[in-house]
Amino acid sequence: MKISRTKFVFLFLISGFAFLFISNVIFRSVVRLIPESGEAFLGTESLIGWKSTVSTILYPIKIVLVGPMLPLINLPDPPPPFLVIGFAFYWTILALVIYYLIAKIKRS
């Protein structure tokens, strides 16, 4: 499977934003891409059993995708484009590192 670096980064960004949106729709009562400041972002506020279990399973993925961005999320009132641009920048770097590691594994 050959995929260009640009296409890989684009697919990674789309998948990251889709993952955030879908997980927030499932685990929160408010439909938003990024929750408001002060809300628990990594966990779930629900006590329903299956939501708690799925949230626990997805927790490591959220730590990698969202963990370094928590200081931006917890700002008092950041403008929404600022957060989206911050996520896109961080995920672009993450996607390039993953692409490099996959290419290096394939070569050896």
C-alpha atoms as a PDB file:
ATOM      1  CA  MET A   1       0.000   0.000   0.000  1.00  0.00           C
ATOM      2  CA  LYS A   2       1.549   3.239  -1.168  1.00  0.00           C
ATOM      3  CA  ILE A   3       0.103   6.461   0.169  1.00  0.00           C
ATOM      4  CA  SER A   4       1.584   9.920  -0.125  1.00  0.00           C
ATOM      5  CA  ARG A   5       2.590  11.853   2.961  1.00  0.00           C
ATOM      6  CA  THR A   6       0.075  14.615   2.219  1.00  0.00           C
ATOM      7  CA  LYS A   7      -2.800  12.179   1.810  1.00  0.00           C
ATOM      8  CA  PHE A   8      -1.810  10.369   5.030  1.00  0.00           C
ATOM      9  CA  VAL A   9      -1.755  13.632   7.004  1.00  0.00           C
ATOM     10  CA  PHE A  10      -5.087  14.707   5.497  1.00  0.00           C
ATOM     11  CA  LEU A  11      -6.730  11.372   6.374  1.00  0.00           C
ATOM     12  CA  PHE A  12      -5.226  11.515   9.873  1.00  0.00           C
ATOM     13  CA  LEU A  13      -6.650  15.012  10.448  1.00  0.00           C
ATOM     14  CA  ILE A  14     -10.101  14.037   9.172  1.00  0.00           C
ATOM     15  CA  SER A  15     -10.053  10.876  11.316  1.00  0.00           C
ATOM     16  CA  GLY A  16      -8.920  12.811  14.394  1.00  0.00           C
ATOM     17  CA  PHE A  17     -11.667  15.410  14.134  1.00  0.00           C
ATOM     18  CA  ALA A  18     -14.251  12.704  13.386  1.00  0.00           C
ATOM     19  CA  PHE A  19     -13.076  10.722  16.429  1.00  0.00           C
ATOM     20  CA  LEU A  20     -13.371  13.807  18.663  1.00  0.00           C
ATOM     21  CA  PHE A  21     -16.804  14.715  17.344  1.00  0.00           C
ATOM     22  CA  ILE A  22     -18.223  11.180  17.552  1.00  0.00           C
ATOM     23  CA  SER A  23     -16.825  10.525  21.023  1.00  0.00           C
ATOM     24  CA  ASN A  24     -18.234  13.845  22.258  1.00  0.00           C
ATOM     25  CA  VAL A  25     -21.632  13.080  20.723  1.00  0.00           C
ATOM     26  CA  ILE A  26     -21.726   9.647  22.357  1.00  0.00           C
ATOM     27  CA  PHE A  27     -20.419  10.610  25.805  1.00  0.00           C
ATOM     28  CA  ARG A  28     -21.806  14.129  26.263  1.00  0.00           C
ATOM     29  CA  SER A  29     -25.222  15.698  26.162  1.00  0.00           C
ATOM     30  CA  VAL A  30     -24.004  18.690  24.083  1.00  0.00           C
ATOM     31  CA  VAL A  31     -23.090  18.127  20.430  1.00  0.00           C
ATOM     32  CA  ARG A  32     -19.758  19.931  19.974  1.00  0.00           C
ATOM     33  CA  LEU A  33     -16.382  19.220  18.475  1.00  0.00           C
ATOM     34  CA  ILE A  34     -14.550  20.637  21.488  1.00  0.00           C
ATOM     35  CA  PRO A  35     -16.276  20.907  24.886  1.00  0.00           C
ATOM     36  CA  GLU A  36     -16.464  24.162  26.779  1.00  0.00           C
ATOM     37  CA  SER A  37     -13.672  25.133  29.137  1.00  0.00           C
ATOM     38  CA  GLY A  38     -13.878  23.420  32.509  1.00  0.00           C
ATOM     39  CA  GLU A  39     -15.655  20.271  31.321  1.00  0.00           C
ATOM     40  CA  ALA A  40     -13.990  16.921  31.788  1.00  0.00           C
ATOM     41  CA  PHE A  41     -12.610  16.234  28.327  1.00  0.00           C
ATOM     42  CA  LEU A  42     -10.916  12.872  28.612  1.00  0.00           C
ATOM     43  CA  GLY A  43     -13.480  11.009  30.673  1.00  0.00           C
ATOM     44  CA  THR A  44     -17.213  10.715  30.695  1.00  0.00           C
ATOM     45  CA  GLU A  45     -19.675  12.286  33.072  1.00  0.00           C
ATOM     46  CA  SER A  46     -22.212   9.510  32.586  1.00  0.00           C
ATOM     47  CA  LEU A  47     -22.745   6.687  35.036  1.00  0.00           C
ATOM     48  CA  ILE A  48     -24.245   4.377  32.410  1.00  0.00           C
ATOM     49  CA  GLY A  49     -22.241   1.161  32.337  1.00  0.00           C
ATOM     50  CA  TRP A  50     -21.504   0.843  28.632  1.00  0.00           C
ATOM     51  CA  LYS A  51     -20.538   4.512  28.289  1.00  0.00           C
ATOM     52  CA  SER A  52     -18.120   4.200  31.174  1.00  0.00           C
ATOM     53  CA  THR A  53     -16.602   1.016  29.718  1.00  0.00           C
ATOM     54  CA  VAL A  54     -16.191   2.433  26.202  1.00  0.00           C
ATOM     55  CA  SER A  55     -14.762   5.641  27.638  1.00  0.00           C
ATOM     56  CA  THR A  56     -12.217   3.616  29.607  1.00  0.00           C
ATOM     57  CA  ILE A  57     -11.213   1.692  26.472  1.00  0.00           C
ATOM     58  CA  LEU A  58     -10.826   4.892  24.422  1.00  0.00           C
ATOM     59  CA  TYR A  59      -8.972   6.740  27.188  1.00  0.00           C
ATOM     60  CA  PRO A  60      -5.428   5.901  25.917  1.00  0.00           C
ATOM     61  CA  ILE A  61      -6.321   7.103  22.426  1.00  0.00           C
ATOM     62  CA  LYS A  62      -7.701  10.353  23.822  1.00  0.00           C
ATOM     63  CA  ILE A  63      -4.567  10.831  25.935  1.00  0.00           C
ATOM     64  CA  VAL A  64      -2.410  10.672  22.801  1.00  0.00           C
ATOM     65  CA  LEU A  65      -4.735  12.754  20.602  1.00  0.00           C
ATOM     66  CA  VAL A  66      -5.841  15.330  23.164  1.00  0.00           C
ATOM     67  CA  GLY A  67      -3.501  15.122  26.169  1.00  0.00           C
ATOM     68  CA  PRO A  68      -0.878  17.670  25.038  1.00  0.00           C
ATOM     69  CA  MET A  69      -3.645  20.068  24.015  1.00  0.00           C
ATOM     70  CA  LEU A  70      -5.358  20.199  27.450  1.00  0.00           C
ATOM     71  CA  PRO A  71      -3.694  23.516  28.417  1.00  0.00           C
ATOM     72  CA  LEU A  72      -5.289  25.116  25.338  1.00  0.00           C
ATOM     73  CA  ILE A  73      -8.678  23.617  26.114  1.00  0.00           C
ATOM     74  CA  ASN A  74      -8.609  24.894  29.692  1.00  0.00           C
ATOM     75  CA  LEU A  75      -7.980  28.526  28.694  1.00  0.00           C
ATOM     76  CA  PRO A  76     -10.733  30.845  30.009  1.00  0.00           C
ATOM     77  CA  ASP A  77     -12.287  31.754  26.648  1.00  0.00           C
ATOM     78  CA  PRO A  78     -10.248  30.716  23.615  1.00  0.00           C
ATOM     79  CA  PRO A  79     -11.710  31.450  20.199  1.00  0.00           C
ATOM     80  CA  PRO A  80     -12.882  28.238  18.488  1.00  0.00           C
ATOM     81  CA  PRO A  81     -10.604  28.585  15.430  1.00  0.00           C
ATOM     82  CA  PHE A  82      -7.625  28.808  17.788  1.00  0.00           C
ATOM     83  CA  LEU A  83      -8.392  25.370  19.222  1.00  0.00           C
ATOM     84  CA  VAL A  84      -9.071  23.793  15.826  1.00  0.00           C
ATOM     85  CA  ILE A  85      -5.818  25.216  14.429  1.00  0.00           C
ATOM     86  CA  GLY A  86      -3.948  24.002  17.520  1.00  0.00           C
ATOM     87  CA  PHE A  87      -5.340  20.485  17.139  1.00  0.00           C
ATOM     88  CA  ALA A  88      -4.564  20.470  13.405  1.00  0.00           C
ATOM     89  CA  PHE A  89      -0.981  21.600  14.012  1.00  0.00           C
ATOM     90  CA  TYR A  90      -0.373  19.001  16.739  1.00  0.00           C
ATOM     91  CA  TRP A  91      -2.013  16.205  14.745  1.00  0.00           C
ATOM     92  CA  THR A  92      -0.027  17.121  11.631  1.00  0.00           C
ATOM     93  CA  ILE A  93       3.205  16.666  13.566  1.00  0.00           C
ATOM     94  CA  LEU A  94       1.884  13.428  15.067  1.00  0.00           C
ATOM     95  CA  ALA A  95       0.833  12.134  11.631  1.00  0.00           C
ATOM     96  CA  LEU A  96       4.239  12.937  10.134  1.00  0.00           C
ATOM     97  CA  VAL A  97       5.993  11.067  12.949  1.00  0.00           C
ATOM     98  CA  ILE A  98       3.708   8.049  12.490  1.00  0.00           C
ATOM     99  CA  TYR A  99       4.222   8.158   8.708  1.00  0.00           C
ATOM    100  CA  TYR A 100       7.996   8.263   9.187  1.00  0.00           C
ATOM    101  CA  LEU A 101       7.925   5.317  11.618  1.00  0.00           C
ATOM    102  CA  ILE A 102       5.726   3.232   9.288  1.00  0.00           C
ATOM    103  CA  ALA A 103       8.001   4.004   6.323  1.00  0.00           C
ATOM    104  CA  LYS A 104      11.069   3.095   8.370  1.00  0.00           C
ATOM    105  CA  ILE A 105       9.515  -0.226   9.452  1.00  0.00           C
ATOM    106  CA  LYS A 106       8.563  -1.021   5.842  1.00  0.00           C
ATOM    107  CA  ARG A 107      12.126  -0.358   4.614  1.00  0.00           C
ATOM    108  CA  SER A 108      13.732  -2.711   7.094  1.00  0.00           C
END
